[in-house]
């Protein structure tokens, strides 16, 4: 191998000691100068187009790590750092972000820290979700054990890194999904990731059991076939009763407040409707209050109404109902005599009909009202 080819494989920059250890002679190093290779510092050879971070690592006798090594390992990072991140065991030099702890052997040719060190440095240095994105991709793409990262973060000053490690959700399949998970967590939105639903397929996120949130990245949603598939999934989701929100990565990255507000609005609307639906269906087990009767089943003391065999028969079966103190009966538009609690105050004896209970009586099936009909009939006979 020619010395120039070796220099290219080493990232475009190398020390003379490294070249000599690789088997090249000093005469080969002199030929590098004749080939246009620059020598920015004594004992350092660099190509004109070499990476600036690698160049800085060689100059400072260090290795690139953290955000500066993301591109080398293909780790998920949205923006490159403004200053190089270098791992070194000395305190010399400036103009870069220093990472002092180096735990694993680095790249054999290039001045790049091991991927394990890169992930550990990112967890302790970068703010989430950048830290969790880099660590997640290191685990998913390079097989770095999560337990190994946790085992290396036992020092007293590792609290920030440990918190970021606990936030890692390995169900994320891209950087934008990591960012979406972070958006949900910071806004208190519970989610399920990568959920399969029959007839729909696997969805990115499922919220509150009914809201599907999809993140449409360019790589998998830009072709016409992809668009057709997305429309079919949308239609199938709607038919099956799911609500769907779709976002591009730019929405997650540049308009996170808007995304969170829209999601919260959909969830709040669903919860309000559910609460309203429950309100129009009174329960037989509720306690008596102003304007409504207590129709709780009383199996301990069955209803015994004088002159009413039907009521006694019904009570014997354990289905009797007892009225709370101060209740009366009144015939409603449904033809049923319902129990009423009279209003406490200066006008004793005044009774009111619960609007919720009245609307319920007019809507429910007659089969669900059979215990009430039996109770009403027996009460009417005893009153007569």
Protein backbone atom coordinates (compact mmCIF):
# COMPACT_ATOMS: atom_id res chain seq x y z
CA UNK A 1 0.00 0.00 0.00
CA UNK A 2 1.24 3.45 -0.87
CA UNK A 3 1.72 5.91 1.95
CA UNK A 4 -0.75 8.31 0.36
CA UNK A 5 -3.47 5.65 0.27
CA UNK A 6 -2.79 4.83 3.91
CA UNK A 7 -3.14 8.49 4.81
CA UNK A 8 -6.53 8.64 3.10
CA UNK A 9 -7.71 5.56 4.99
CA UNK A 10 -6.58 7.16 8.24
CA UNK A 11 -8.98 10.05 7.67
CA UNK A 12 -6.59 12.34 5.79
CA UNK A 13 -4.38 13.14 8.76
CA UNK A 14 -1.77 11.17 10.74
CA UNK A 15 1.33 11.58 12.84
CA UNK A 16 4.71 10.57 11.50
CA UNK A 17 5.08 8.04 14.34
CA UNK A 18 1.89 6.30 13.20
CA UNK A 19 3.15 6.15 9.61
CA UNK A 20 6.50 4.73 10.70
CA UNK A 21 4.79 2.11 12.87
CA UNK A 22 2.71 1.12 9.84
CA UNK A 23 5.95 0.15 8.04
CA UNK A 24 6.68 3.22 5.93
CA UNK A 25 10.18 4.70 5.75
CA UNK A 26 11.25 8.28 6.26
CA UNK A 27 11.85 8.48 2.55
CA UNK A 28 8.14 7.67 2.07
CA UNK A 29 7.31 10.56 4.37
CA UNK A 30 9.40 12.88 2.26
CA UNK A 31 7.47 11.77 -0.81
CA UNK A 32 4.27 12.85 0.94
CA UNK A 33 5.51 16.43 0.94
CA UNK A 34 6.24 16.15 -2.77
CA UNK A 35 2.63 14.90 -3.34
CA UNK A 36 1.12 18.11 -1.94
CA UNK A 37 0.40 16.84 1.56
CA UNK A 38 0.61 19.67 4.09
CA UNK A 39 2.47 19.55 7.37
CA UNK A 40 0.58 21.96 9.69
CA UNK A 41 2.69 20.93 12.65
CA UNK A 42 5.97 19.12 13.00
CA UNK A 43 5.36 15.40 12.81
CA UNK A 44 1.78 15.80 11.44
CA UNK A 45 0.78 15.13 7.82
CA UNK A 46 -2.65 16.18 6.54
CA UNK A 47 -4.50 16.23 3.24
CA UNK A 48 -6.02 19.51 2.16
CA UNK A 49 -9.60 18.22 2.46
CA UNK A 50 -9.26 16.30 5.73
CA UNK A 51 -11.95 16.64 8.40
CA UNK A 52 -11.33 19.55 10.75
CA UNK A 53 -12.28 17.55 13.84
CA UNK A 54 -9.81 14.79 12.94
CA UNK A 55 -7.20 17.45 12.28
CA UNK A 56 -7.82 18.94 15.73
CA UNK A 57 -7.62 15.50 17.34
CA UNK A 58 -4.17 14.86 15.84
CA UNK A 59 -2.91 18.32 16.77
CA UNK A 60 -4.01 17.88 20.40
CA UNK A 61 -2.98 14.22 20.71
CA UNK A 62 -6.60 13.18 21.27
CA UNK A 63 -9.50 11.33 19.63
CA UNK A 64 -12.80 12.73 18.40
CA UNK A 65 -15.77 11.67 20.51
CA UNK A 66 -19.32 12.60 21.50
CA UNK A 67 -21.07 14.73 18.86
CA UNK A 68 -17.94 15.00 16.68
CA UNK A 69 -17.84 11.20 16.22
CA UNK A 70 -21.55 10.82 15.37
CA UNK A 71 -20.99 11.04 11.61
CA UNK A 72 -18.18 8.48 11.70
CA UNK A 73 -20.37 5.84 13.37
CA UNK A 74 -23.63 6.88 11.70
CA UNK A 75 -25.22 7.85 15.02
CA UNK A 76 -28.37 9.96 15.13
CA UNK A 77 -27.58 13.66 15.51
CA UNK A 78 -29.45 16.55 13.91
CA UNK A 79 -26.75 19.23 13.95
CA UNK A 80 -22.96 18.93 14.02
CA UNK A 81 -21.24 20.66 16.95
CA UNK A 82 -19.77 24.13 16.61
CA UNK A 83 -16.57 23.05 18.36
CA UNK A 84 -14.88 19.64 18.14
CA UNK A 85 -15.45 17.22 21.01
CA UNK A 86 -12.18 15.47 21.86
CA UNK A 87 -11.40 12.66 24.28
CA UNK A 88 -8.01 12.90 25.95
CA UNK A 89 -6.35 12.11 29.25
CA UNK A 90 -4.43 15.38 29.51
CA UNK A 91 -5.35 18.99 30.18
CA UNK A 92 -3.40 20.70 27.41
CA UNK A 93 -4.86 22.75 24.57
CA UNK A 94 -8.04 24.75 24.11
CA UNK A 95 -10.67 25.56 21.52
CA UNK A 96 -12.49 22.23 21.89
CA UNK A 97 -14.85 20.41 24.28
CA UNK A 98 -12.76 18.12 26.43
CA UNK A 99 -13.82 14.63 27.54
CA UNK A 100 -11.25 13.33 29.98
CA UNK A 101 -12.47 9.78 30.62
CA UNK A 102 -11.42 7.24 27.96
CA UNK A 103 -12.52 3.72 28.85
CA UNK A 104 -12.23 1.64 25.65
CA UNK A 105 -9.64 1.24 22.85
CA UNK A 106 -10.31 3.55 19.92
CA UNK A 107 -10.20 3.10 16.15
CA UNK A 108 -6.98 1.37 15.01
CA UNK A 109 -6.23 3.84 12.19
CA UNK A 110 -8.18 7.02 12.77
CA UNK A 111 -8.16 9.31 15.84
CA UNK A 112 -11.71 8.29 16.78
CA UNK A 113 -12.84 7.10 20.22
CA UNK A 114 -14.62 3.77 20.61
CA UNK A 115 -18.37 3.84 20.00
CA UNK A 116 -18.94 2.91 23.66
CA UNK A 117 -17.01 6.00 24.80
CA UNK A 118 -18.84 8.11 22.23
CA UNK A 119 -22.22 7.04 23.65
CA UNK A 120 -21.10 7.58 27.25
CA UNK A 121 -19.71 11.03 26.48
CA UNK A 122 -22.92 12.00 24.66
CA UNK A 123 -25.10 10.94 27.61
CA UNK A 124 -23.16 13.13 29.98
CA UNK A 125 -22.49 16.07 27.66
CA UNK A 126 -25.43 16.69 25.33
CA UNK A 127 -28.88 17.86 26.32
CA UNK A 128 -31.84 15.57 25.59
CA UNK A 129 -33.11 14.50 23.18
CA UNK A 130 -29.70 14.66 21.40
CA UNK A 131 -28.08 12.56 24.13
CA UNK A 132 -30.77 9.87 24.08
CA UNK A 133 -30.80 9.82 20.27
CA UNK A 134 -27.05 9.14 20.06
CA UNK A 135 -27.15 6.48 22.77
CA UNK A 136 -30.23 4.83 21.26
CA UNK A 137 -28.58 4.60 17.84
CA UNK A 138 -25.36 3.24 19.40
CA UNK A 139 -27.38 0.46 21.02
CA UNK A 140 -29.54 -0.28 17.96
CA UNK A 141 -26.93 0.10 15.20
CA UNK A 142 -23.73 -1.09 16.91
CA UNK A 143 -25.04 -3.48 19.55
CA UNK A 144 -23.67 -1.56 22.52
CA UNK A 145 -25.22 -3.24 25.59
CA UNK A 146 -27.40 -0.93 27.61
CA UNK A 147 -26.21 -2.69 30.75
CA UNK A 148 -22.60 -1.85 29.87
CA UNK A 149 -23.45 1.85 29.67
CA UNK A 150 -25.25 1.72 33.02
CA UNK A 151 -22.34 -0.16 34.60
CA UNK A 152 -19.88 2.54 33.47
CA UNK A 153 -22.03 5.33 34.91
CA UNK A 154 -21.65 4.63 38.61
CA UNK A 155 -19.58 7.66 39.54
CA UNK A 156 -21.00 10.40 41.75
CA UNK A 157 -21.16 12.87 38.86
CA UNK A 158 -23.05 10.57 36.49
CA UNK A 159 -26.56 11.64 37.51
CA UNK A 160 -27.27 13.52 34.27
CA UNK A 161 -26.06 10.64 32.13
CA UNK A 162 -28.07 8.09 34.12
CA UNK A 163 -31.26 10.13 33.78
CA UNK A 164 -30.73 10.31 30.01
CA UNK A 165 -30.04 6.56 29.91
CA UNK A 166 -33.32 5.84 31.74
CA UNK A 167 -35.22 7.86 29.13
CA UNK A 168 -34.00 5.66 26.28
CA UNK A 169 -36.85 3.86 24.51
CA UNK A 170 -35.43 1.32 22.09
CA UNK A 171 -38.70 1.11 20.17
CA UNK A 172 -37.68 4.32 18.39
CA UNK A 173 -36.50 3.56 14.85
CA UNK A 174 -35.25 7.01 13.85
CA UNK A 175 -34.05 10.25 15.34
CA UNK A 176 -37.40 11.96 14.79
CA UNK A 177 -39.15 9.23 16.80
CA UNK A 178 -36.70 9.79 19.65
CA UNK A 179 -37.50 13.51 19.50
CA UNK A 180 -41.24 12.77 19.45
CA UNK A 181 -40.89 10.54 22.53
CA UNK A 182 -39.06 13.37 24.29
CA UNK A 183 -41.84 15.77 23.30
CA UNK A 184 -44.48 13.45 24.76
CA UNK A 185 -42.57 12.93 28.01
CA UNK A 186 -41.91 16.63 28.62
CA UNK A 187 -45.60 17.41 28.07
CA UNK A 188 -46.92 14.58 30.25
CA UNK A 189 -48.46 12.66 27.34
CA UNK A 190 -48.56 8.89 27.85
CA UNK A 191 -47.87 6.88 24.70
CA UNK A 192 -47.37 3.43 23.25
CA UNK A 193 -44.75 3.11 20.51
CA UNK A 194 -44.74 0.80 17.48
CA UNK A 195 -48.19 -0.68 18.15
CA UNK A 196 -49.75 -3.21 15.79
CA UNK A 197 -53.47 -2.95 15.09
CA UNK A 198 -55.31 -5.57 12.98
CA UNK A 199 -56.43 -4.19 9.64
CA UNK A 200 -54.21 -1.12 10.04
CA UNK A 201 -50.69 -2.37 10.63
CA UNK A 202 -48.00 -1.00 12.87
CA UNK A 203 -48.42 2.63 13.90
CA UNK A 204 -45.71 4.90 15.26
CA UNK A 205 -47.58 5.98 18.40
CA UNK A 206 -50.93 5.17 20.01
CA UNK A 207 -52.21 7.62 22.62
CA UNK A 208 -55.04 6.97 25.07
CA UNK A 209 -56.08 3.90 23.11
CA UNK A 210 -57.67 5.83 20.23
CA UNK A 211 -55.33 8.55 18.86
CA UNK A 212 -52.77 7.42 16.27
CA UNK A 213 -49.80 9.73 15.73
CA UNK A 214 -47.68 9.06 12.66
CA UNK A 215 -44.31 10.67 11.85
CA UNK A 216 -43.80 10.77 8.07
CA UNK A 217 -40.09 10.89 7.32
CA UNK A 218 -38.95 11.57 3.77
CA UNK A 219 -37.15 8.24 3.35
CA UNK A 220 -40.28 6.07 3.74
CA UNK A 221 -43.12 8.41 2.73
CA UNK A 222 -41.91 10.29 -0.37
CA UNK A 223 -42.78 7.85 -3.17
CA UNK A 224 -46.26 7.58 -4.68
CA UNK A 225 -46.62 3.98 -3.48
CA UNK A 226 -45.83 5.16 0.03
CA UNK A 227 -48.47 7.88 -0.23
CA UNK A 228 -51.09 5.38 -1.38
CA UNK A 229 -50.25 3.09 1.51
CA UNK A 230 -50.52 5.98 3.97
CA UNK A 231 -53.97 6.93 2.63
CA UNK A 232 -55.18 3.34 2.94
CA UNK A 233 -53.93 3.21 6.53
CA UNK A 234 -55.62 6.51 7.32
CA UNK A 235 -58.94 5.31 5.93
CA UNK A 236 -58.72 1.97 7.74
CA UNK A 237 -57.93 3.77 11.00
CA UNK A 238 -60.95 6.05 10.65
CA UNK A 239 -63.27 3.15 9.81
CA UNK A 240 -62.13 1.33 12.95
CA UNK A 241 -62.82 4.37 15.13
CA UNK A 242 -59.32 5.78 15.57
CA UNK A 243 -58.36 9.43 15.28
CA UNK A 244 -55.18 10.13 13.29
CA UNK A 245 -52.64 12.96 13.40
CA UNK A 246 -49.75 12.96 10.93
CA UNK A 247 -46.61 15.08 11.25
CA UNK A 248 -43.44 15.69 9.31
CA UNK A 249 -40.06 15.77 11.11
CA UNK A 250 -40.05 19.55 10.69
CA UNK A 251 -43.19 19.77 12.83
CA UNK A 252 -41.51 17.87 15.67
CA UNK A 253 -38.27 19.84 15.41
CA UNK A 254 -39.43 23.38 14.71
CA UNK A 255 -43.03 23.52 16.03
CA UNK A 256 -43.08 21.26 19.09
CA UNK A 257 -45.45 23.51 21.05
CA UNK A 258 -48.01 23.39 18.26
CA UNK A 259 -47.77 19.60 18.02
CA UNK A 260 -48.22 19.18 21.78
CA UNK A 261 -51.17 21.59 21.81
CA UNK A 262 -52.94 19.75 18.97
CA UNK A 263 -52.46 16.37 20.61
CA UNK A 264 -53.69 17.63 23.97
CA UNK A 265 -56.73 19.21 22.32
CA UNK A 266 -57.74 15.90 20.70
CA UNK A 267 -57.20 13.95 23.94
CA UNK A 268 -59.14 16.51 26.01
CA UNK A 269 -62.03 16.50 23.53
CA UNK A 270 -62.32 12.73 23.70
CA UNK A 271 -62.26 12.76 27.50
CA UNK A 272 -64.96 15.44 27.66
CA UNK A 273 -67.22 13.41 25.38
CA UNK A 274 -66.62 10.29 27.44
CA UNK A 275 -67.47 12.14 30.65
CA UNK A 276 -70.65 13.51 29.06
CA UNK A 277 -71.70 10.06 27.90
CA UNK A 278 -71.23 8.69 31.41
CA UNK A 279 -73.22 11.56 32.87
CA UNK A 280 -76.36 10.73 30.88
CA UNK A 281 -76.42 7.15 32.19
CA UNK A 282 -77.30 7.09 35.94
CA UNK A 283 -76.07 4.17 37.94
CA UNK A 284 -78.31 1.99 40.10
CA UNK A 285 -75.60 2.05 42.76
CA UNK A 286 -75.38 5.81 43.32
CA UNK A 287 -76.29 7.41 46.64
CA UNK A 288 -79.32 9.61 46.97
CA UNK A 289 -78.91 13.35 46.56
CA UNK A 290 -81.01 16.40 45.77
CA UNK A 291 -83.33 15.61 42.87
CA UNK A 292 -82.66 11.88 42.57
CA UNK A 293 -83.67 8.68 44.30
CA UNK A 294 -81.50 6.04 45.87
CA UNK A 295 -82.17 2.89 43.80
CA UNK A 296 -79.40 0.77 45.26
CA UNK A 297 -80.13 -2.97 45.42
CA UNK A 298 -80.62 -3.98 49.03
CA UNK A 299 -80.14 -7.74 49.30
CA UNK A 300 -79.88 -7.64 53.06
CA UNK A 301 -83.37 -6.12 53.56
CA UNK A 302 -85.62 -7.03 50.60
CA UNK A 303 -88.50 -4.71 49.84
CA UNK A 304 -91.64 -5.91 51.64
CA UNK A 305 -94.70 -3.91 50.59
CA UNK A 306 -98.02 -4.56 52.26
CA UNK A 307 -100.62 -5.97 49.90
CA UNK A 308 -98.19 -6.59 47.11
CA UNK A 309 -97.28 -10.21 46.37
CA UNK A 310 -95.39 -9.15 43.24
CA UNK A 311 -93.06 -6.94 45.22
CA UNK A 312 -92.51 -9.69 47.76
CA UNK A 313 -91.73 -12.20 45.01
CA UNK A 314 -89.26 -9.80 43.43
CA UNK A 315 -87.62 -9.10 46.77
CA UNK A 316 -87.23 -12.79 47.45
CA UNK A 317 -85.10 -13.06 44.35
CA UNK A 318 -82.69 -10.50 45.77
CA UNK A 319 -83.63 -7.82 43.27
CA UNK A 320 -85.59 -5.45 45.53
CA UNK A 321 -84.80 -1.77 45.88
CA UNK A 322 -85.11 0.47 48.91
CA UNK A 323 -85.96 4.16 48.85
CA UNK A 324 -83.89 6.66 50.76
CA UNK A 325 -85.64 8.59 53.50
CA UNK A 326 -87.90 11.32 52.18
CA UNK A 327 -88.59 9.92 48.69
CA UNK A 328 -91.83 9.98 46.72
CA UNK A 329 -93.06 8.64 43.40
CA UNK A 330 -94.18 10.55 40.32
CA UNK A 331 -95.29 9.37 36.89
CA UNK A 332 -93.00 10.53 34.08
CA UNK A 333 -93.38 10.80 30.32
CA UNK A 334 -92.19 7.22 30.01
CA UNK A 335 -95.13 5.90 32.01
CA UNK A 336 -92.94 4.72 34.86
CA UNK A 337 -93.20 5.72 38.51
CA UNK A 338 -89.71 6.78 39.54
CA UNK A 339 -88.35 7.41 43.02
CA UNK A 340 -87.74 11.07 43.86
CA UNK A 341 -86.05 12.81 46.73
CA UNK A 342 -87.79 15.95 47.87
CA UNK A 343 -85.81 19.13 48.18
CA UNK A 344 -84.64 20.05 51.67
CA UNK A 345 -85.53 23.59 52.71
CA UNK A 346 -88.45 25.76 53.67
CA UNK A 347 -90.87 23.96 51.34
CA UNK A 348 -90.97 20.33 52.48
CA UNK A 349 -92.69 17.88 50.24
CA UNK A 350 -91.64 19.50 46.95
CA UNK A 351 -90.22 16.93 44.57
CA UNK A 352 -88.12 17.24 41.43
CA UNK A 353 -87.34 14.87 38.58
CA UNK A 354 -83.69 14.49 37.58
CA UNK A 355 -83.36 15.57 33.91
CA UNK A 356 -80.55 13.07 33.43
CA UNK A 357 -82.66 10.24 34.80
CA UNK A 358 -85.71 11.27 32.76
CA UNK A 359 -83.73 11.41 29.49
CA UNK A 360 -82.19 8.09 30.35
CA UNK A 361 -85.61 6.51 30.89
CA UNK A 362 -86.68 7.67 27.46
CA UNK A 363 -83.61 6.22 25.73
CA UNK A 364 -82.72 2.91 27.31
CA UNK A 365 -84.12 -0.37 26.20
CA UNK A 366 -87.09 -1.63 28.19
CA UNK A 367 -85.15 -4.79 29.11
CA UNK A 368 -82.71 -2.74 31.17
CA UNK A 369 -85.61 -1.15 33.09
CA UNK A 370 -87.33 -4.37 34.17
CA UNK A 371 -86.13 -4.18 37.81
CA UNK A 372 -87.30 -0.58 37.99
CA UNK A 373 -90.68 -1.39 36.44
CA UNK A 374 -91.21 -4.16 38.98
CA UNK A 375 -90.27 -1.86 41.84
CA UNK A 376 -92.47 0.96 40.49
CA UNK A 377 -95.49 -1.30 40.08
CA UNK A 378 -95.21 -2.67 43.58
CA UNK A 379 -94.79 0.80 45.06
CA UNK A 380 -97.80 2.14 43.19
CA UNK A 381 -99.98 -0.72 44.43
CA UNK A 382 -98.91 -0.21 48.01
CA UNK A 383 -99.61 3.53 47.76
CA UNK A 384 -103.07 2.88 46.39
